[in-house]
Protein backbone atom coordinates (compact mmCIF):
# COMPACT_ATOMS: atom_id res chain seq x y z
CA UNK A 1 0.00 0.00 0.00
CA UNK A 2 1.21 3.50 -0.72
CA UNK A 3 3.30 2.49 -3.73
CA UNK A 4 3.22 4.06 -7.16
CA UNK A 5 1.39 1.91 -9.72
CA UNK A 6 3.30 0.50 -12.68
CA UNK A 7 6.68 1.44 -11.19
CA UNK A 8 8.56 -1.19 -13.23
CA UNK A 9 6.76 -0.64 -16.54
CA UNK A 10 7.98 1.67 -19.32
CA UNK A 11 5.78 4.76 -19.73
CA UNK A 12 4.91 3.93 -23.37
CA UNK A 13 3.62 0.52 -22.29
CA UNK A 14 1.53 2.19 -19.58
CA UNK A 15 -0.01 4.67 -22.03
CA UNK A 16 -0.75 1.91 -24.55
CA UNK A 17 -2.31 -0.28 -21.86
CA UNK A 18 -4.53 2.49 -20.57
CA UNK A 19 -5.64 3.58 -24.04
CA UNK A 20 -6.41 -0.01 -25.07
CA UNK A 21 -8.15 -0.74 -21.73
CA UNK A 22 -5.88 -3.69 -20.99
CA UNK A 23 -3.82 -2.26 -18.14
CA UNK A 24 -5.40 -1.99 -14.72
CA UNK A 25 -3.80 -1.36 -11.34
CA UNK A 26 -3.26 -4.29 -9.03
CA UNK A 27 -6.03 -4.53 -6.46
CA UNK A 28 -4.77 -6.00 -3.24
CA UNK A 29 -6.57 -8.99 -1.73
CA UNK A 30 -7.12 -6.90 1.39
CA UNK A 31 -9.23 -4.44 -0.62
CA UNK A 32 -12.85 -4.35 0.47
CA UNK A 33 -15.09 -6.44 -1.82
CA UNK A 34 -17.45 -3.51 -2.50
CA UNK A 35 -14.59 -1.24 -3.62
CA UNK A 36 -13.05 -3.99 -5.75
CA UNK A 37 -16.38 -4.74 -7.41
CA UNK A 38 -17.04 -1.07 -8.15
CA UNK A 39 -13.58 -0.56 -9.66
CA UNK A 40 -13.92 -3.64 -11.85
CA UNK A 41 -17.34 -2.49 -13.10
CA UNK A 42 -15.88 0.93 -13.95
CA UNK A 43 -13.13 -0.78 -15.97
CA UNK A 44 -15.50 -2.73 -18.23
CA UNK A 45 -14.59 -2.20 -21.87
CA UNK A 46 -18.22 -1.72 -22.91
CA UNK A 47 -19.18 1.78 -21.68
CA UNK A 48 -22.89 0.95 -21.49
CA UNK A 49 -22.11 -1.77 -18.92
CA UNK A 50 -20.22 0.60 -16.61
CA UNK A 51 -22.08 2.07 -13.63
CA UNK A 52 -23.52 5.55 -13.99
CA UNK A 53 -22.44 8.38 -11.70
CA UNK A 54 -25.49 7.99 -9.45
CA UNK A 55 -24.73 4.29 -8.91
CA UNK A 56 -21.11 5.12 -8.09
CA UNK A 57 -22.16 7.86 -5.68
CA UNK A 58 -24.63 5.54 -3.91
CA UNK A 59 -21.98 2.82 -3.54
CA UNK A 60 -19.51 5.33 -2.14
CA UNK A 61 -22.03 6.60 0.39
CA UNK A 62 -22.87 3.03 1.46
CA UNK A 63 -19.23 1.99 1.80
CA UNK A 64 -18.31 5.25 3.53
CA UNK A 65 -21.25 4.93 5.94
CA UNK A 66 -20.27 1.35 6.74
CA UNK A 67 -16.72 2.52 7.43
CA UNK A 68 -17.97 5.15 9.87
CA UNK A 69 -20.13 2.58 11.66
CA UNK A 70 -17.20 0.18 11.93
CA UNK A 71 -14.87 2.94 13.13
CA UNK A 72 -17.34 3.98 15.83
CA UNK A 73 -17.82 0.34 16.84
CA UNK A 74 -14.09 -0.31 17.08
CA UNK A 75 -13.20 2.96 18.76
CA UNK A 76 -16.35 3.34 20.83
PDB file of N, CA and C in Angstrom:
ATOM      1  N   UNK A   1       0.840  -1.181   0.000  1.00  0.00           N
ATOM      2  CA  UNK A   1       0.000   0.000   0.000  1.00  0.00           C
ATOM      3  C   UNK A   1       0.882   1.240   0.000  1.00  0.00           C
ATOM      4  N   UNK A   2       0.462   2.283  -0.678  1.00  0.00           N
ATOM      5  CA  UNK A   2       1.215   3.498  -0.723  1.00  0.00           C
ATOM      6  C   UNK A   2       2.312   3.510  -1.776  1.00  0.00           C
ATOM      7  N   UNK A   3       2.301   2.543  -2.683  1.00  0.00           N
ATOM      8  CA  UNK A   3       3.303   2.486  -3.731  1.00  0.00           C
ATOM      9  C   UNK A   3       2.740   3.064  -5.024  1.00  0.00           C
ATOM     10  N   UNK A   4       3.640   3.563  -5.865  1.00  0.00           N
ATOM     11  CA  UNK A   4       3.215   4.064  -7.160  1.00  0.00           C
ATOM     12  C   UNK A   4       2.843   2.884  -8.052  1.00  0.00           C
ATOM     13  N   UNK A   5       1.742   2.997  -8.802  1.00  0.00           N
ATOM     14  CA  UNK A   5       1.392   1.908  -9.717  1.00  0.00           C
ATOM     15  C   UNK A   5       2.326   1.876 -10.919  1.00  0.00           C
ATOM     16  N   UNK A   6       2.531   0.709 -11.443  1.00  0.00           N
ATOM     17  CA  UNK A   6       3.295   0.502 -12.682  1.00  0.00           C
ATOM     18  C   UNK A   6       4.749   0.979 -12.575  1.00  0.00           C
ATOM     19  N   UNK A   7       5.344   0.900 -11.423  1.00  0.00           N
ATOM     20  CA  UNK A   7       6.682   1.441 -11.192  1.00  0.00           C
ATOM     21  C   UNK A   7       7.746   0.777 -12.069  1.00  0.00           C
ATOM     22  N   UNK A   8       7.554  -0.473 -12.440  1.00  0.00           N
ATOM     23  CA  UNK A   8       8.558  -1.186 -13.233  1.00  0.00           C
ATOM     24  C   UNK A   8       8.155  -1.356 -14.697  1.00  0.00           C
ATOM     25  N   UNK A   9       7.234  -0.535 -15.163  1.00  0.00           N
ATOM     26  CA  UNK A   9       6.760  -0.638 -16.543  1.00  0.00           C
ATOM     27  C   UNK A   9       7.108   0.654 -17.282  1.00  0.00           C
ATOM     28  N   UNK A  10       7.614   0.521 -18.502  1.00  0.00           N
ATOM     29  CA  UNK A  10       7.982   1.670 -19.323  1.00  0.00           C
ATOM     30  C   UNK A  10       6.743   2.526 -19.594  1.00  0.00           C
ATOM     31  N   UNK A  11       6.911   3.851 -19.602  1.00  0.00           N
ATOM     32  CA  UNK A  11       5.775   4.757 -19.734  1.00  0.00           C
ATOM     33  C   UNK A  11       4.982   4.545 -21.023  1.00  0.00           C
ATOM     34  N   UNK A  12       5.639   4.173 -22.121  1.00  0.00           N
ATOM     35  CA  UNK A  12       4.907   3.934 -23.372  1.00  0.00           C
ATOM     36  C   UNK A  12       3.988   2.719 -23.246  1.00  0.00           C
ATOM     37  N   UNK A  13       4.440   1.716 -22.523  1.00  0.00           N
ATOM     38  CA  UNK A  13       3.620   0.525 -22.289  1.00  0.00           C
ATOM     39  C   UNK A  13       2.418   0.883 -21.426  1.00  0.00           C
ATOM     40  N   UNK A  14       2.630   1.739 -20.450  1.00  0.00           N
ATOM     41  CA  UNK A  14       1.530   2.188 -19.581  1.00  0.00           C
ATOM     42  C   UNK A  14       0.478   2.929 -20.402  1.00  0.00           C
ATOM     43  N   UNK A  15       0.926   3.886 -21.208  1.00  0.00           N
ATOM     44  CA  UNK A  15      -0.010   4.667 -22.026  1.00  0.00           C
ATOM     45  C   UNK A  15      -0.793   3.753 -22.964  1.00  0.00           C
ATOM     46  N   UNK A  16      -0.095   2.841 -23.633  1.00  0.00           N
ATOM     47  CA  UNK A  16      -0.754   1.912 -24.550  1.00  0.00           C
ATOM     48  C   UNK A  16      -1.771   1.049 -23.807  1.00  0.00           C
ATOM     49  N   UNK A  17      -1.412   0.572 -22.636  1.00  0.00           N
ATOM     50  CA  UNK A  17      -2.311  -0.277 -21.857  1.00  0.00           C
ATOM     51  C   UNK A  17      -3.550   0.456 -21.387  1.00  0.00           C
ATOM     52  N   UNK A  18      -3.386   1.703 -21.015  1.00  0.00           N
ATOM     53  CA  UNK A  18      -4.532   2.494 -20.569  1.00  0.00           C
ATOM     54  C   UNK A  18      -5.450   2.814 -21.742  1.00  0.00           C
ATOM     55  N   UNK A  19      -4.850   3.242 -22.853  1.00  0.00           N
ATOM     56  CA  UNK A  19      -5.643   3.583 -24.039  1.00  0.00           C
ATOM     57  C   UNK A  19      -6.400   2.365 -24.565  1.00  0.00           C
ATOM     58  N   UNK A  20      -5.776   1.198 -24.543  1.00  0.00           N
ATOM     59  CA  UNK A  20      -6.415  -0.009 -25.070  1.00  0.00           C
ATOM     60  C   UNK A  20      -7.267  -0.736 -24.018  1.00  0.00           C
ATOM     61  N   UNK A  21      -7.353  -0.165 -22.824  1.00  0.00           N
ATOM     62  CA  UNK A  21      -8.154  -0.739 -21.725  1.00  0.00           C
ATOM     63  C   UNK A  21      -7.695  -2.129 -21.315  1.00  0.00           C
ATOM     64  N   UNK A  22      -6.393  -2.381 -21.399  1.00  0.00           N
ATOM     65  CA  UNK A  22      -5.878  -3.687 -20.995  1.00  0.00           C
ATOM     66  C   UNK A  22      -5.009  -3.617 -19.745  1.00  0.00           C
ATOM     67  N   UNK A  23      -4.675  -2.413 -19.306  1.00  0.00           N
ATOM     68  CA  UNK A  23      -3.817  -2.259 -18.136  1.00  0.00           C
ATOM     69  C   UNK A  23      -4.628  -1.689 -16.979  1.00  0.00           C
ATOM     70  N   UNK A  24      -4.671  -2.420 -15.916  1.00  0.00           N
ATOM     71  CA  UNK A  24      -5.398  -1.994 -14.723  1.00  0.00           C
ATOM     72  C   UNK A  24      -4.471  -2.109 -13.525  1.00  0.00           C
ATOM     73  N   UNK A  25      -4.643  -1.249 -12.532  1.00  0.00           N
ATOM     74  CA  UNK A  25      -3.797  -1.364 -11.345  1.00  0.00           C
ATOM     75  C   UNK A  25      -4.098  -2.648 -10.578  1.00  0.00           C
ATOM     76  N   UNK A  26      -3.100  -3.124  -9.881  1.00  0.00           N
ATOM     77  CA  UNK A  26      -3.256  -4.291  -9.031  1.00  0.00           C
ATOM     78  C   UNK A  26      -4.157  -3.925  -7.862  1.00  0.00           C
ATOM     79  N   UNK A  27      -5.158  -4.735  -7.615  1.00  0.00           N
ATOM     80  CA  UNK A  27      -6.031  -4.529  -6.460  1.00  0.00           C
ATOM     81  C   UNK A  27      -5.645  -5.571  -5.425  1.00  0.00           C
ATOM     82  N   UNK A  28      -5.217  -5.106  -4.294  1.00  0.00           N
ATOM     83  CA  UNK A  28      -4.766  -6.005  -3.240  1.00  0.00           C
ATOM     84  C   UNK A  28      -5.903  -6.875  -2.724  1.00  0.00           C
ATOM     85  N   UNK A  29      -5.568  -8.074  -2.286  1.00  0.00           N
ATOM     86  CA  UNK A  29      -6.571  -8.987  -1.729  1.00  0.00           C
ATOM     87  C   UNK A  29      -7.255  -8.385  -0.510  1.00  0.00           C
ATOM     88  N   UNK A  30      -6.557  -7.513   0.187  1.00  0.00           N
ATOM     89  CA  UNK A  30      -7.123  -6.898   1.391  1.00  0.00           C
ATOM     90  C   UNK A  30      -8.141  -5.807   1.073  1.00  0.00           C
ATOM     91  N   UNK A  31      -8.266  -5.463  -0.203  1.00  0.00           N
ATOM     92  CA  UNK A  31      -9.229  -4.441  -0.616  1.00  0.00           C
ATOM     93  C   UNK A  31     -10.645  -4.928  -0.346  1.00  0.00           C
ATOM     94  N   UNK A  32     -11.455  -4.048   0.185  1.00  0.00           N
ATOM     95  CA  UNK A  32     -12.848  -4.354   0.465  1.00  0.00           C
ATOM     96  C   UNK A  32     -13.561  -4.837  -0.804  1.00  0.00           C
ATOM     97  N   UNK A  33     -14.389  -5.860  -0.665  1.00  0.00           N
ATOM     98  CA  UNK A  33     -15.086  -6.438  -1.818  1.00  0.00           C
ATOM     99  C   UNK A  33     -15.914  -5.388  -2.567  1.00  0.00           C
ATOM    100  N   UNK A  34     -16.606  -4.519  -1.856  1.00  0.00           N
ATOM    101  CA  UNK A  34     -17.453  -3.512  -2.503  1.00  0.00           C
ATOM    102  C   UNK A  34     -16.621  -2.559  -3.366  1.00  0.00           C
ATOM    103  N   UNK A  35     -15.464  -2.130  -2.853  1.00  0.00           N
ATOM    104  CA  UNK A  35     -14.595  -1.240  -3.624  1.00  0.00           C
ATOM    105  C   UNK A  35     -14.052  -1.957  -4.844  1.00  0.00           C
ATOM    106  N   UNK A  36     -13.591  -3.194  -4.641  1.00  0.00           N
ATOM    107  CA  UNK A  36     -13.048  -3.985  -5.754  1.00  0.00           C
ATOM    108  C   UNK A  36     -14.100  -4.157  -6.850  1.00  0.00           C
ATOM    109  N   UNK A  37     -15.291  -4.519  -6.456  1.00  0.00           N
ATOM    110  CA  UNK A  37     -16.377  -4.740  -7.408  1.00  0.00           C
ATOM    111  C   UNK A  37     -16.690  -3.463  -8.190  1.00  0.00           C
ATOM    112  N   UNK A  38     -16.742  -2.345  -7.489  1.00  0.00           N
ATOM    113  CA  UNK A  38     -17.038  -1.073  -8.146  1.00  0.00           C
ATOM    114  C   UNK A  38     -15.938  -0.705  -9.141  1.00  0.00           C
ATOM    115  N   UNK A  39     -14.681  -0.867  -8.739  1.00  0.00           N
ATOM    116  CA  UNK A  39     -13.576  -0.565  -9.656  1.00  0.00           C
ATOM    117  C   UNK A  39     -13.649  -1.434 -10.904  1.00  0.00           C
ATOM    118  N   UNK A  40     -13.881  -2.724 -10.712  1.00  0.00           N
ATOM    119  CA  UNK A  40     -13.921  -3.638 -11.853  1.00  0.00           C
ATOM    120  C   UNK A  40     -15.071  -3.317 -12.789  1.00  0.00           C
ATOM    121  N   UNK A  41     -16.215  -2.896 -12.241  1.00  0.00           N
ATOM    122  CA  UNK A  41     -17.338  -2.488 -13.096  1.00  0.00           C
ATOM    123  C   UNK A  41     -16.988  -1.231 -13.887  1.00  0.00           C
ATOM    124  N   UNK A  42     -16.272  -0.307 -13.263  1.00  0.00           N
ATOM    125  CA  UNK A  42     -15.881   0.928 -13.954  1.00  0.00           C
ATOM    126  C   UNK A  42     -14.878   0.659 -15.066  1.00  0.00           C
ATOM    127  N   UNK A  43     -14.150  -0.440 -14.970  1.00  0.00           N
ATOM    128  CA  UNK A  43     -13.133  -0.783 -15.965  1.00  0.00           C
ATOM    129  C   UNK A  43     -13.674  -1.600 -17.132  1.00  0.00           C
ATOM    130  N   UNK A  44     -14.949  -1.930 -17.137  1.00  0.00           N
ATOM    131  CA  UNK A  44     -15.501  -2.730 -18.230  1.00  0.00           C
ATOM    132  C   UNK A  44     -15.259  -2.023 -19.562  1.00  0.00           C
ATOM    133  N   UNK A  45     -14.908  -2.797 -20.573  1.00  0.00           N
ATOM    134  CA  UNK A  45     -14.589  -2.200 -21.870  1.00  0.00           C
ATOM    135  C   UNK A  45     -15.817  -1.648 -22.582  1.00  0.00           C
ATOM    136  N   UNK A  46     -16.975  -2.200 -22.301  1.00  0.00           N
ATOM    137  CA  UNK A  46     -18.220  -1.722 -22.915  1.00  0.00           C
ATOM    138  C   UNK A  46     -18.796  -0.601 -22.041  1.00  0.00           C
ATOM    139  N   UNK A  47     -18.726   0.651 -22.510  1.00  0.00           N
ATOM    140  CA  UNK A  47     -19.177   1.777 -21.683  1.00  0.00           C
ATOM    141  C   UNK A  47     -20.607   1.646 -21.161  1.00  0.00           C
ATOM    142  N   UNK A  48     -21.492   1.059 -21.931  1.00  0.00           N
ATOM    143  CA  UNK A  48     -22.888   0.952 -21.490  1.00  0.00           C
ATOM    144  C   UNK A  48     -23.053   0.002 -20.304  1.00  0.00           C
ATOM    145  N   UNK A  49     -22.051  -0.833 -20.051  1.00  0.00           N
ATOM    146  CA  UNK A  49     -22.108  -1.772 -18.920  1.00  0.00           C
ATOM    147  C   UNK A  49     -21.478  -1.195 -17.650  1.00  0.00           C
ATOM    148  N   UNK A  50     -20.833  -0.038 -17.774  1.00  0.00           N
ATOM    149  CA  UNK A  50     -20.222   0.604 -16.613  1.00  0.00           C
ATOM    150  C   UNK A  50     -21.307   1.273 -15.770  1.00  0.00           C
ATOM    151  N   UNK A  51     -21.079   1.402 -14.465  1.00  0.00           N
ATOM    152  CA  UNK A  51     -22.079   2.067 -13.626  1.00  0.00           C
ATOM    153  C   UNK A  51     -22.153   3.562 -13.941  1.00  0.00           C
ATOM    154  N   UNK A  52     -23.347   4.117 -13.786  1.00  0.00           N
ATOM    155  CA  UNK A  52     -23.517   5.553 -13.989  1.00  0.00           C
ATOM    156  C   UNK A  52     -23.043   6.291 -12.728  1.00  0.00           C
ATOM    157  N   UNK A  53     -22.943   7.586 -12.822  1.00  0.00           N
ATOM    158  CA  UNK A  53     -22.442   8.380 -11.704  1.00  0.00           C
ATOM    159  C   UNK A  53     -23.296   8.183 -10.449  1.00  0.00           C
ATOM    160  N   UNK A  54     -24.599   8.138 -10.605  1.00  0.00           N
ATOM    161  CA  UNK A  54     -25.486   7.988  -9.447  1.00  0.00           C
ATOM    162  C   UNK A  54     -25.224   6.661  -8.734  1.00  0.00           C
ATOM    163  N   UNK A  55     -25.033   5.592  -9.510  1.00  0.00           N
ATOM    164  CA  UNK A  55     -24.731   4.288  -8.907  1.00  0.00           C
ATOM    165  C   UNK A  55     -23.400   4.333  -8.152  1.00  0.00           C
ATOM    166  N   UNK A  56     -22.409   4.987  -8.751  1.00  0.00           N
ATOM    167  CA  UNK A  56     -21.110   5.117  -8.089  1.00  0.00           C
ATOM    168  C   UNK A  56     -21.252   5.919  -6.798  1.00  0.00           C
ATOM    169  N   UNK A  57     -21.973   7.019  -6.864  1.00  0.00           N
ATOM    170  CA  UNK A  57     -22.157   7.864  -5.682  1.00  0.00           C
ATOM    171  C   UNK A  57     -22.876   7.098  -4.567  1.00  0.00           C
ATOM    172  N   UNK A  58     -23.905   6.329  -4.918  1.00  0.00           N
ATOM    173  CA  UNK A  58     -24.630   5.542  -3.911  1.00  0.00           C
ATOM    174  C   UNK A  58     -23.715   4.505  -3.276  1.00  0.00           C
ATOM    175  N   UNK A  59     -22.914   3.823  -4.077  1.00  0.00           N
ATOM    176  CA  UNK A  59     -21.984   2.820  -3.540  1.00  0.00           C
ATOM    177  C   UNK A  59     -21.001   3.477  -2.589  1.00  0.00           C
ATOM    178  N   UNK A  60     -20.474   4.638  -2.984  1.00  0.00           N
ATOM    179  CA  UNK A  60     -19.508   5.331  -2.139  1.00  0.00           C
ATOM    180  C   UNK A  60     -20.126   5.736  -0.817  1.00  0.00           C
ATOM    181  N   UNK A  61     -21.351   6.214  -0.849  1.00  0.00           N
ATOM    182  CA  UNK A  61     -22.030   6.596   0.388  1.00  0.00           C
ATOM    183  C   UNK A  61     -22.218   5.369   1.267  1.00  0.00           C
ATOM    184  N   UNK A  62     -22.655   4.249   0.677  1.00  0.00           N
ATOM    185  CA  UNK A  62     -22.874   3.033   1.457  1.00  0.00           C
ATOM    186  C   UNK A  62     -21.575   2.520   2.074  1.00  0.00           C
ATOM    187  N   UNK A  63     -20.518   2.476   1.301  1.00  0.00           N
ATOM    188  CA  UNK A  63     -19.228   1.986   1.803  1.00  0.00           C
ATOM    189  C   UNK A  63     -18.679   2.952   2.838  1.00  0.00           C
ATOM    190  N   UNK A  64     -18.790   4.245   2.584  1.00  0.00           N
ATOM    191  CA  UNK A  64     -18.308   5.246   3.532  1.00  0.00           C
ATOM    192  C   UNK A  64     -19.094   5.166   4.838  1.00  0.00           C
ATOM    193  N   UNK A  65     -20.415   5.040   4.739  1.00  0.00           N
ATOM    194  CA  UNK A  65     -21.251   4.932   5.943  1.00  0.00           C
ATOM    195  C   UNK A  65     -20.890   3.697   6.745  1.00  0.00           C
ATOM    196  N   UNK A  66     -20.669   2.583   6.057  1.00  0.00           N
ATOM    197  CA  UNK A  66     -20.269   1.349   6.740  1.00  0.00           C
ATOM    198  C   UNK A  66     -18.944   1.561   7.462  1.00  0.00           C
ATOM    199  N   UNK A  67     -18.011   2.255   6.811  1.00  0.00           N
ATOM    200  CA  UNK A  67     -16.715   2.524   7.425  1.00  0.00           C
ATOM    201  C   UNK A  67     -16.856   3.342   8.697  1.00  0.00           C
ATOM    202  N   UNK A  68     -17.736   4.332   8.680  1.00  0.00           N
ATOM    203  CA  UNK A  68     -17.965   5.154   9.872  1.00  0.00           C
ATOM    204  C   UNK A  68     -18.565   4.317  10.993  1.00  0.00           C
ATOM    205  N   UNK A  69     -19.521   3.461  10.653  1.00  0.00           N
ATOM    206  CA  UNK A  69     -20.134   2.581  11.660  1.00  0.00           C
ATOM    207  C   UNK A  69     -19.082   1.668  12.274  1.00  0.00           C
ATOM    208  N   UNK A  70     -18.247   1.076  11.428  1.00  0.00           N
ATOM    209  CA  UNK A  70     -17.201   0.181  11.933  1.00  0.00           C
ATOM    210  C   UNK A  70     -16.197   0.941  12.789  1.00  0.00           C
ATOM    211  N   UNK A  71     -15.813   2.142  12.362  1.00  0.00           N
ATOM    212  CA  UNK A  71     -14.872   2.943  13.129  1.00  0.00           C
ATOM    213  C   UNK A  71     -15.436   3.245  14.514  1.00  0.00           C
ATOM    214  N   UNK A  72     -16.706   3.668  14.542  1.00  0.00           N
ATOM    215  CA  UNK A  72     -17.343   3.984  15.825  1.00  0.00           C
ATOM    216  C   UNK A  72     -17.436   2.739  16.698  1.00  0.00           C
ATOM    217  N   UNK A  73     -17.736   1.611  16.104  1.00  0.00           N
ATOM    218  CA  UNK A  73     -17.821   0.340  16.843  1.00  0.00           C
ATOM    219  C   UNK A  73     -16.457  -0.020  17.440  1.00  0.00           C
ATOM    220  N   UNK A  74     -15.415   0.067  16.623  1.00  0.00           N
ATOM    221  CA  UNK A  74     -14.090  -0.315  17.082  1.00  0.00           C
ATOM    222  C   UNK A  74     -13.500   0.674  18.085  1.00  0.00           C
ATOM    223  N   UNK A  75     -13.787   1.933  17.900  1.00  0.00           N
ATOM    224  CA  UNK A  75     -13.200   2.956  18.764  1.00  0.00           C
ATOM    225  C   UNK A  75     -14.091   3.325  19.943  1.00  0.00           C
ATOM    226  N   UNK A  76     -15.370   2.920  19.855  1.00  0.00           N
ATOM    227  CA  UNK A  76     -16.355   3.336  20.834  1.00  0.00           C
ATOM    228  C   UNK A  76     -16.229   2.732  22.143  1.00  0.00           C
TER     229      UNK A  76
END
